[in-house]
PDB file of N, CA and C in Angstrom:
ATOM      1  N   UNK A   1     -52.139  81.371 -26.611  1.00  0.00           N
ATOM      2  CA  UNK A   1     -53.267  82.279 -26.809  1.00  0.00           C
ATOM      3  C   UNK A   1     -53.823  82.656 -25.446  1.00  0.00           C
ATOM      4  N   UNK A   2     -54.049  83.914 -25.225  1.00  0.00           N
ATOM      5  CA  UNK A   2     -54.600  84.418 -23.977  1.00  0.00           C
ATOM      6  C   UNK A   2     -56.107  84.151 -23.972  1.00  0.00           C
ATOM      7  N   UNK A   3     -56.601  83.578 -22.879  1.00  0.00           N
ATOM      8  CA  UNK A   3     -58.023  83.209 -22.777  1.00  0.00           C
ATOM      9  C   UNK A   3     -58.745  84.158 -21.831  1.00  0.00           C
ATOM     10  N   UNK A   4     -59.997  84.415 -22.157  1.00  0.00           N
ATOM     11  CA  UNK A   4     -60.856  85.189 -21.260  1.00  0.00           C
ATOM     12  C   UNK A   4     -61.169  84.313 -20.041  1.00  0.00           C
ATOM     13  N   UNK A   5     -61.707  84.883 -19.005  1.00  0.00           N
ATOM     14  CA  UNK A   5     -62.083  84.097 -17.841  1.00  0.00           C
ATOM     15  C   UNK A   5     -63.056  82.982 -18.165  1.00  0.00           C
ATOM     16  N   UNK A   6     -64.026  83.304 -19.001  1.00  0.00           N
ATOM     17  CA  UNK A   6     -65.027  82.333 -19.413  1.00  0.00           C
ATOM     18  C   UNK A   6     -64.399  81.184 -20.204  1.00  0.00           C
ATOM     19  N   UNK A   7     -63.525  81.533 -21.148  1.00  0.00           N
ATOM     20  CA  UNK A   7     -62.857  80.496 -21.940  1.00  0.00           C
ATOM     21  C   UNK A   7     -61.915  79.677 -21.090  1.00  0.00           C
ATOM     22  N   UNK A   8     -61.265  80.302 -20.092  1.00  0.00           N
ATOM     23  CA  UNK A   8     -60.378  79.565 -19.199  1.00  0.00           C
ATOM     24  C   UNK A   8     -61.171  78.523 -18.407  1.00  0.00           C
ATOM     25  N   UNK A   9     -62.359  78.878 -17.997  1.00  0.00           N
ATOM     26  CA  UNK A   9     -63.188  77.925 -17.262  1.00  0.00           C
ATOM     27  C   UNK A   9     -63.623  76.775 -18.170  1.00  0.00           C
ATOM     28  N   UNK A  10     -63.962  77.090 -19.429  1.00  0.00           N
ATOM     29  CA  UNK A  10     -64.327  76.031 -20.406  1.00  0.00           C
ATOM     30  C   UNK A  10     -63.158  75.097 -20.572  1.00  0.00           C
ATOM     31  N   UNK A  11     -61.974  75.650 -20.714  1.00  0.00           N
ATOM     32  CA  UNK A  11     -60.766  74.816 -20.874  1.00  0.00           C
ATOM     33  C   UNK A  11     -60.549  73.939 -19.652  1.00  0.00           C
ATOM     34  N   UNK A  12     -60.634  74.504 -18.487  1.00  0.00           N
ATOM     35  CA  UNK A  12     -60.442  73.755 -17.268  1.00  0.00           C
ATOM     36  C   UNK A  12     -61.435  72.596 -17.164  1.00  0.00           C
ATOM     37  N   UNK A  13     -62.699  72.869 -17.449  1.00  0.00           N
ATOM     38  CA  UNK A  13     -63.720  71.839 -17.361  1.00  0.00           C
ATOM     39  C   UNK A  13     -63.448  70.738 -18.378  1.00  0.00           C
ATOM     40  N   UNK A  14     -63.121  71.150 -19.611  1.00  0.00           N
ATOM     41  CA  UNK A  14     -62.850  70.163 -20.670  1.00  0.00           C
ATOM     42  C   UNK A  14     -61.642  69.276 -20.297  1.00  0.00           C
ATOM     43  N   UNK A  15     -60.610  69.888 -19.780  1.00  0.00           N
ATOM     44  CA  UNK A  15     -59.409  69.112 -19.405  1.00  0.00           C
ATOM     45  C   UNK A  15     -59.709  68.203 -18.214  1.00  0.00           C
ATOM     46  N   UNK A  16     -60.415  68.713 -17.229  1.00  0.00           N
ATOM     47  CA  UNK A  16     -60.761  67.890 -16.039  1.00  0.00           C
ATOM     48  C   UNK A  16     -61.613  66.694 -16.374  1.00  0.00           C
ATOM     49  N   UNK A  17     -62.367  66.758 -17.466  1.00  0.00           N
ATOM     50  CA  UNK A  17     -63.261  65.659 -17.848  1.00  0.00           C
ATOM     51  C   UNK A  17     -62.753  64.888 -19.067  1.00  0.00           C
ATOM     52  N   UNK A  18     -61.562  65.225 -19.509  1.00  0.00           N
ATOM     53  CA  UNK A  18     -60.988  64.595 -20.706  1.00  0.00           C
ATOM     54  C   UNK A  18     -60.586  63.142 -20.414  1.00  0.00           C
ATOM     55  N   UNK A  19     -60.909  62.264 -21.352  1.00  0.00           N
ATOM     56  CA  UNK A  19     -60.569  60.840 -21.239  1.00  0.00           C
ATOM     57  C   UNK A  19     -59.063  60.659 -21.020  1.00  0.00           C
ATOM     58  N   UNK A  20     -58.262  61.423 -21.745  1.00  0.00           N
ATOM     59  CA  UNK A  20     -56.800  61.335 -21.610  1.00  0.00           C
ATOM     60  C   UNK A  20     -56.368  61.735 -20.200  1.00  0.00           C
ATOM     61  N   UNK A  21     -56.896  62.844 -19.709  1.00  0.00           N
ATOM     62  CA  UNK A  21     -56.541  63.317 -18.359  1.00  0.00           C
ATOM     63  C   UNK A  21     -56.924  62.314 -17.294  1.00  0.00           C
ATOM     64  N   UNK A  22     -58.071  61.701 -17.468  1.00  0.00           N
ATOM     65  CA  UNK A  22     -58.594  60.775 -16.439  1.00  0.00           C
ATOM     66  C   UNK A  22     -57.918  59.419 -16.471  1.00  0.00           C
ATOM     67  N   UNK A  23     -57.285  59.045 -17.602  1.00  0.00           N
ATOM     68  CA  UNK A  23     -56.707  57.709 -17.678  1.00  0.00           C
ATOM     69  C   UNK A  23     -55.212  57.754 -18.017  1.00  0.00           C
ATOM     70  N   UNK A  24     -54.874  57.934 -19.271  1.00  0.00           N
ATOM     71  CA  UNK A  24     -53.489  57.739 -19.724  1.00  0.00           C
ATOM     72  C   UNK A  24     -52.535  58.898 -19.465  1.00  0.00           C
ATOM     73  N   UNK A  25     -53.046  60.103 -19.435  1.00  0.00           N
ATOM     74  CA  UNK A  25     -52.212  61.303 -19.240  1.00  0.00           C
ATOM     75  C   UNK A  25     -51.056  61.383 -20.232  1.00  0.00           C
ATOM     76  N   UNK A  26     -51.368  61.167 -21.507  1.00  0.00           N
ATOM     77  CA  UNK A  26     -50.372  61.218 -22.590  1.00  0.00           C
ATOM     78  C   UNK A  26     -50.221  62.674 -23.056  1.00  0.00           C
ATOM     79  N   UNK A  27     -49.048  63.240 -22.841  1.00  0.00           N
ATOM     80  CA  UNK A  27     -48.790  64.655 -23.178  1.00  0.00           C
ATOM     81  C   UNK A  27     -48.937  64.889 -24.677  1.00  0.00           C
ATOM     82  N   UNK A  28     -48.667  63.881 -25.489  1.00  0.00           N
ATOM     83  CA  UNK A  28     -48.795  64.021 -26.942  1.00  0.00           C
ATOM     84  C   UNK A  28     -50.247  64.210 -27.362  1.00  0.00           C
ATOM     85  N   UNK A  29     -51.179  63.644 -26.629  1.00  0.00           N
ATOM     86  CA  UNK A  29     -52.600  63.849 -26.873  1.00  0.00           C
ATOM     87  C   UNK A  29     -52.930  65.303 -26.550  1.00  0.00           C
ATOM     88  N   UNK A  30     -52.401  65.803 -25.450  1.00  0.00           N
ATOM     89  CA  UNK A  30     -52.635  67.185 -25.067  1.00  0.00           C
ATOM     90  C   UNK A  30     -52.082  68.160 -26.112  1.00  0.00           C
ATOM     91  N   UNK A  31     -50.945  67.823 -26.692  1.00  0.00           N
ATOM     92  CA  UNK A  31     -50.321  68.714 -27.676  1.00  0.00           C
ATOM     93  C   UNK A  31     -51.102  68.844 -28.958  1.00  0.00           C
ATOM     94  N   UNK A  32     -52.049  67.923 -29.208  1.00  0.00           N
ATOM     95  CA  UNK A  32     -52.864  68.002 -30.423  1.00  0.00           C
ATOM     96  C   UNK A  32     -54.270  68.488 -30.132  1.00  0.00           C
ATOM     97  N   UNK A  33     -54.510  68.951 -28.903  1.00  0.00           N
ATOM     98  CA  UNK A  33     -55.821  69.390 -28.476  1.00  0.00           C
ATOM     99  C   UNK A  33     -56.071  70.882 -28.770  1.00  0.00           C
ATOM    100  N   UNK A  34     -57.304  71.213 -29.055  1.00  0.00           N
ATOM    101  CA  UNK A  34     -57.726  72.590 -29.284  1.00  0.00           C
ATOM    102  C   UNK A  34     -57.294  73.507 -28.151  1.00  0.00           C
ATOM    103  N   UNK A  35     -57.420  73.038 -26.926  1.00  0.00           N
ATOM    104  CA  UNK A  35     -57.153  73.895 -25.773  1.00  0.00           C
ATOM    105  C   UNK A  35     -55.667  74.189 -25.640  1.00  0.00           C
ATOM    106  N   UNK A  36     -54.808  73.376 -26.243  1.00  0.00           N
ATOM    107  CA  UNK A  36     -53.366  73.646 -26.234  1.00  0.00           C
ATOM    108  C   UNK A  36     -52.956  74.487 -27.431  1.00  0.00           C
ATOM    109  N   UNK A  37     -53.485  74.157 -28.605  1.00  0.00           N
ATOM    110  CA  UNK A  37     -53.134  74.850 -29.852  1.00  0.00           C
ATOM    111  C   UNK A  37     -54.379  75.109 -30.682  1.00  0.00           C
ATOM    112  N   UNK A  38     -55.148  76.137 -30.369  1.00  0.00           N
ATOM    113  CA  UNK A  38     -56.397  76.394 -31.123  1.00  0.00           C
ATOM    114  C   UNK A  38     -56.167  76.748 -32.589  1.00  0.00           C
ATOM    115  N   UNK A  39     -54.962  77.147 -32.947  1.00  0.00           N
ATOM    116  CA  UNK A  39     -54.690  77.464 -34.361  1.00  0.00           C
ATOM    117  C   UNK A  39     -54.557  76.203 -35.210  1.00  0.00           C
ATOM    118  N   UNK A  40     -54.141  75.087 -34.568  1.00  0.00           N
ATOM    119  CA  UNK A  40     -53.960  73.844 -35.299  1.00  0.00           C
ATOM    120  C   UNK A  40     -54.165  72.694 -34.302  1.00  0.00           C
ATOM    121  N   UNK A  41     -55.295  72.009 -34.439  1.00  0.00           N
ATOM    122  CA  UNK A  41     -55.620  70.956 -33.499  1.00  0.00           C
ATOM    123  C   UNK A  41     -56.272  69.795 -34.210  1.00  0.00           C
ATOM    124  N   UNK A  42     -56.258  68.618 -33.552  1.00  0.00           N
ATOM    125  CA  UNK A  42     -56.851  67.428 -34.108  1.00  0.00           C
ATOM    126  C   UNK A  42     -58.126  67.004 -33.386  1.00  0.00           C
ATOM    127  N   UNK A  43     -58.324  67.510 -32.193  1.00  0.00           N
ATOM    128  CA  UNK A  43     -59.462  67.116 -31.380  1.00  0.00           C
ATOM    129  C   UNK A  43     -59.721  68.169 -30.296  1.00  0.00           C
ATOM    130  N   UNK A  44     -60.839  68.042 -29.625  1.00  0.00           N
ATOM    131  CA  UNK A  44     -61.131  68.876 -28.471  1.00  0.00           C
ATOM    132  C   UNK A  44     -61.386  67.929 -27.318  1.00  0.00           C
ATOM    133  N   UNK A  45     -60.414  67.852 -26.412  1.00  0.00           N
ATOM    134  CA  UNK A  45     -60.500  66.942 -25.245  1.00  0.00           C
ATOM    135  C   UNK A  45     -60.809  65.511 -25.697  1.00  0.00           C
ATOM    136  N   UNK A  46     -60.080  65.073 -26.706  1.00  0.00           N
ATOM    137  CA  UNK A  46     -60.138  63.734 -27.322  1.00  0.00           C
ATOM    138  C   UNK A  46     -61.379  63.468 -28.142  1.00  0.00           C
ATOM    139  N   UNK A  47     -62.262  64.448 -28.265  1.00  0.00           N
ATOM    140  CA  UNK A  47     -63.492  64.272 -29.071  1.00  0.00           C
ATOM    141  C   UNK A  47     -63.246  64.855 -30.475  1.00  0.00           C
ATOM    142  N   UNK A  48     -63.730  64.156 -31.486  1.00  0.00           N
ATOM    143  CA  UNK A  48     -63.593  64.649 -32.855  1.00  0.00           C
ATOM    144  C   UNK A  48     -64.600  65.772 -33.091  1.00  0.00           C
ATOM    145  N   UNK A  49     -64.163  66.952 -32.751  1.00  0.00           N
ATOM    146  CA  UNK A  49     -64.993  68.169 -32.901  1.00  0.00           C
ATOM    147  C   UNK A  49     -64.103  69.259 -33.496  1.00  0.00           C
ATOM    148  N   UNK A  50     -64.755  70.239 -34.079  1.00  0.00           N
ATOM    149  CA  UNK A  50     -64.065  71.440 -34.525  1.00  0.00           C
ATOM    150  C   UNK A  50     -64.816  72.631 -33.935  1.00  0.00           C
ATOM    151  N   UNK A  51     -64.074  73.700 -33.686  1.00  0.00           N
ATOM    152  CA  UNK A  51     -64.660  74.820 -32.985  1.00  0.00           C
ATOM    153  C   UNK A  51     -64.166  76.135 -33.607  1.00  0.00           C
ATOM    154  N   UNK A  52     -65.075  77.076 -33.713  1.00  0.00           N
ATOM    155  CA  UNK A  52     -64.753  78.430 -34.145  1.00  0.00           C
ATOM    156  C   UNK A  52     -65.418  79.383 -33.159  1.00  0.00           C
ATOM    157  N   UNK A  53     -64.657  80.264 -32.574  1.00  0.00           N
ATOM    158  CA  UNK A  53     -65.211  81.295 -31.694  1.00  0.00           C
ATOM    159  C   UNK A  53     -65.259  82.579 -32.487  1.00  0.00           C
ATOM    160  N   UNK A  54     -66.435  83.157 -32.568  1.00  0.00           N
ATOM    161  CA  UNK A  54     -66.642  84.356 -33.395  1.00  0.00           C
ATOM    162  C   UNK A  54     -67.282  85.445 -32.534  1.00  0.00           C
ATOM    163  N   UNK A  55     -66.670  86.618 -32.559  1.00  0.00           N
ATOM    164  CA  UNK A  55     -67.183  87.742 -31.804  1.00  0.00           C
ATOM    165  C   UNK A  55     -67.624  88.839 -32.756  1.00  0.00           C
ATOM    166  N   UNK A  56     -68.803  89.371 -32.506  1.00  0.00           N
ATOM    167  CA  UNK A  56     -69.313  90.491 -33.284  1.00  0.00           C
ATOM    168  C   UNK A  56     -69.194  91.739 -32.431  1.00  0.00           C
ATOM    169  N   UNK A  57     -68.613  92.808 -33.006  1.00  0.00           N
ATOM    170  CA  UNK A  57     -68.541  94.084 -32.260  1.00  0.00           C
ATOM    171  C   UNK A  57     -68.649  95.246 -33.253  1.00  0.00           C
ATOM    172  N   UNK A  58     -68.877  96.412 -32.703  1.00  0.00           N
ATOM    173  CA  UNK A  58     -68.996  97.592 -33.554  1.00  0.00           C
ATOM    174  C   UNK A  58     -70.124  97.431 -34.595  1.00  0.00           C
ATOM    175  N   UNK A  59     -69.806  97.791 -35.805  1.00  0.00           N
ATOM    176  CA  UNK A  59     -70.788  97.700 -36.893  1.00  0.00           C
ATOM    177  C   UNK A  59     -71.220  96.276 -37.195  1.00  0.00           C
ATOM    178  N   UNK A  60     -70.397  95.309 -36.812  1.00  0.00           N
ATOM    179  CA  UNK A  60     -70.738  93.896 -37.074  1.00  0.00           C
ATOM    180  C   UNK A  60     -71.902  93.418 -36.223  1.00  0.00           C
ATOM    181  N   UNK A  61     -72.249  94.132 -35.196  1.00  0.00           N
ATOM    182  CA  UNK A  61     -73.396  93.740 -34.332  1.00  0.00           C
ATOM    183  C   UNK A  61     -74.669  93.698 -35.173  1.00  0.00           C
ATOM    184  N   UNK A  62     -74.771  94.557 -36.152  1.00  0.00           N
ATOM    185  CA  UNK A  62     -75.931  94.557 -37.047  1.00  0.00           C
ATOM    186  C   UNK A  62     -76.017  93.222 -37.800  1.00  0.00           C
ATOM    187  N   UNK A  63     -74.862  92.703 -38.220  1.00  0.00           N
ATOM    188  CA  UNK A  63     -74.835  91.395 -38.899  1.00  0.00           C
ATOM    189  C   UNK A  63     -75.321  90.292 -37.954  1.00  0.00           C
ATOM    190  N   UNK A  64     -74.885  90.374 -36.732  1.00  0.00           N
ATOM    191  CA  UNK A  64     -75.324  89.387 -35.744  1.00  0.00           C
ATOM    192  C   UNK A  64     -76.827  89.438 -35.546  1.00  0.00           C
ATOM    193  N   UNK A  65     -77.381  90.628 -35.427  1.00  0.00           N
ATOM    194  CA  UNK A  65     -78.817  90.785 -35.239  1.00  0.00           C
ATOM    195  C   UNK A  65     -79.606  90.253 -36.435  1.00  0.00           C
ATOM    196  N   UNK A  66     -79.082  90.449 -37.634  1.00  0.00           N
ATOM    197  CA  UNK A  66     -79.742  89.920 -38.831  1.00  0.00           C
ATOM    198  C   UNK A  66     -79.705  88.370 -38.778  1.00  0.00           C
ATOM    199  N   UNK A  67     -78.589  87.837 -38.399  1.00  0.00           N
ATOM    200  CA  UNK A  67     -78.428  86.399 -38.298  1.00  0.00           C
ATOM    201  C   UNK A  67     -79.378  85.813 -37.245  1.00  0.00           C
ATOM    202  N   UNK A  68     -79.492  86.516 -36.148  1.00  0.00           N
ATOM    203  CA  UNK A  68     -80.383  86.092 -35.061  1.00  0.00           C
ATOM    204  C   UNK A  68     -81.847  86.067 -35.535  1.00  0.00           C
ATOM    205  N   UNK A  69     -82.254  87.133 -36.236  1.00  0.00           N
ATOM    206  CA  UNK A  69     -83.626  87.200 -36.768  1.00  0.00           C
ATOM    207  C   UNK A  69     -83.893  86.034 -37.726  1.00  0.00           C
ATOM    208  N   UNK A  70     -82.905  85.721 -38.552  1.00  0.00           N
ATOM    209  CA  UNK A  70     -83.045  84.634 -39.521  1.00  0.00           C
ATOM    210  C   UNK A  70     -83.196  83.299 -38.780  1.00  0.00           C
ATOM    211  N   UNK A  71     -82.416  83.129 -37.719  1.00  0.00           N
ATOM    212  CA  UNK A  71     -82.483  81.882 -36.940  1.00  0.00           C
ATOM    213  C   UNK A  71     -83.873  81.750 -36.295  1.00  0.00           C
ATOM    214  N   UNK A  72     -84.369  82.829 -35.731  1.00  0.00           N
ATOM    215  CA  UNK A  72     -85.704  82.799 -35.108  1.00  0.00           C
ATOM    216  C   UNK A  72     -86.761  82.471 -36.152  1.00  0.00           C
ATOM    217  N   UNK A  73     -86.676  83.126 -37.295  1.00  0.00           N
ATOM    218  CA  UNK A  73     -87.635  82.905 -38.376  1.00  0.00           C
ATOM    219  C   UNK A  73     -87.634  81.429 -38.824  1.00  0.00           C
ATOM    220  N   UNK A  74     -86.434  80.826 -38.885  1.00  0.00           N
ATOM    221  CA  UNK A  74     -86.298  79.454 -39.356  1.00  0.00           C
ATOM    222  C   UNK A  74     -86.380  78.429 -38.195  1.00  0.00           C
ATOM    223  N   UNK A  75     -86.679  78.925 -36.991  1.00  0.00           N
ATOM    224  CA  UNK A  75     -86.756  78.066 -35.823  1.00  0.00           C
ATOM    225  C   UNK A  75     -85.478  77.218 -35.686  1.00  0.00           C
ATOM    226  N   UNK A  76     -84.351  77.889 -35.805  1.00  0.00           N
ATOM    227  CA  UNK A  76     -83.068  77.210 -35.677  1.00  0.00           C
ATOM    228  C   UNK A  76     -82.130  78.042 -34.814  1.00  0.00           C
ATOM    229  N   UNK A  77     -80.937  77.572 -34.657  1.00  0.00           N
ATOM    230  CA  UNK A  77     -79.955  78.321 -33.853  1.00  0.00           C
ATOM    231  C   UNK A  77     -79.069  79.159 -34.761  1.00  0.00           C
ATOM    232  N   UNK A  78     -78.379  80.085 -34.172  1.00  0.00           N
ATOM    233  CA  UNK A  78     -77.432  80.888 -34.929  1.00  0.00           C
ATOM    234  C   UNK A  78     -76.340  79.995 -35.523  1.00  0.00           C
ATOM    235  N   UNK A  79     -75.892  79.033 -34.737  1.00  0.00           N
ATOM    236  CA  UNK A  79     -74.884  78.075 -35.199  1.00  0.00           C
ATOM    237  C   UNK A  79     -75.378  77.328 -36.459  1.00  0.00           C
ATOM    238  N   UNK A  80     -76.625  76.889 -36.443  1.00  0.00           N
ATOM    239  CA  UNK A  80     -77.179  76.159 -37.583  1.00  0.00           C
ATOM    240  C   UNK A  80     -77.238  77.077 -38.803  1.00  0.00           C
ATOM    241  N   UNK A  81     -77.626  78.324 -38.607  1.00  0.00           N
ATOM    242  CA  UNK A  81     -77.693  79.279 -39.716  1.00  0.00           C
ATOM    243  C   UNK A  81     -76.314  79.525 -40.334  1.00  0.00           C
ATOM    244  N   UNK A  82     -75.299  79.650 -39.490  1.00  0.00           N
ATOM    245  CA  UNK A  82     -73.952  79.844 -39.996  1.00  0.00           C
ATOM    246  C   UNK A  82     -73.494  78.637 -40.820  1.00  0.00           C
ATOM    247  N   UNK A  83     -73.785  77.446 -40.327  1.00  0.00           N
ATOM    248  CA  UNK A  83     -73.422  76.234 -41.078  1.00  0.00           C
ATOM    249  C   UNK A  83     -74.126  76.192 -42.432  1.00  0.00           C
ATOM    250  N   UNK A  84     -75.387  76.593 -42.461  1.00  0.00           N
ATOM    251  CA  UNK A  84     -76.132  76.637 -43.747  1.00  0.00           C
ATOM    252  C   UNK A  84     -75.461  77.583 -44.718  1.00  0.00           C
ATOM    253  N   UNK A  85     -74.989  78.711 -44.227  1.00  0.00           N
ATOM    254  CA  UNK A  85     -74.348  79.702 -45.080  1.00  0.00           C
ATOM    255  C   UNK A  85     -73.058  79.172 -45.680  1.00  0.00           C
ATOM    256  N   UNK A  86     -72.347  78.360 -44.940  1.00  0.00           N
ATOM    257  CA  UNK A  86     -71.081  77.829 -45.411  1.00  0.00           C
ATOM    258  C   UNK A  86     -71.291  76.733 -46.478  1.00  0.00           C
ATOM    259  N   UNK A  87     -72.373  75.978 -46.321  1.00  0.00           N
ATOM    260  CA  UNK A  87     -72.653  74.857 -47.256  1.00  0.00           C
ATOM    261  C   UNK A  87     -72.954  75.395 -48.569  1.00  0.00           C
TER     262      UNK A  87
END
């Protein structure tokens, strides 16, 4: 997967601070990481996390703005509002 400059920096930082990179350097751990295979992964830099990157563009920007207003109204984050919608 091609990464933006910003995402590439996130990946670099995550890998540089990864427990596996700093100690064991097990390639099999890397092969199950989000940064190696974002379509199918078991962890993010050895941490049990899941990640979704979502971009709003064009007409979808209106959806983002509605979500942002809802988050402000509820004194929460956009991420928290999205999780509420899924539950």
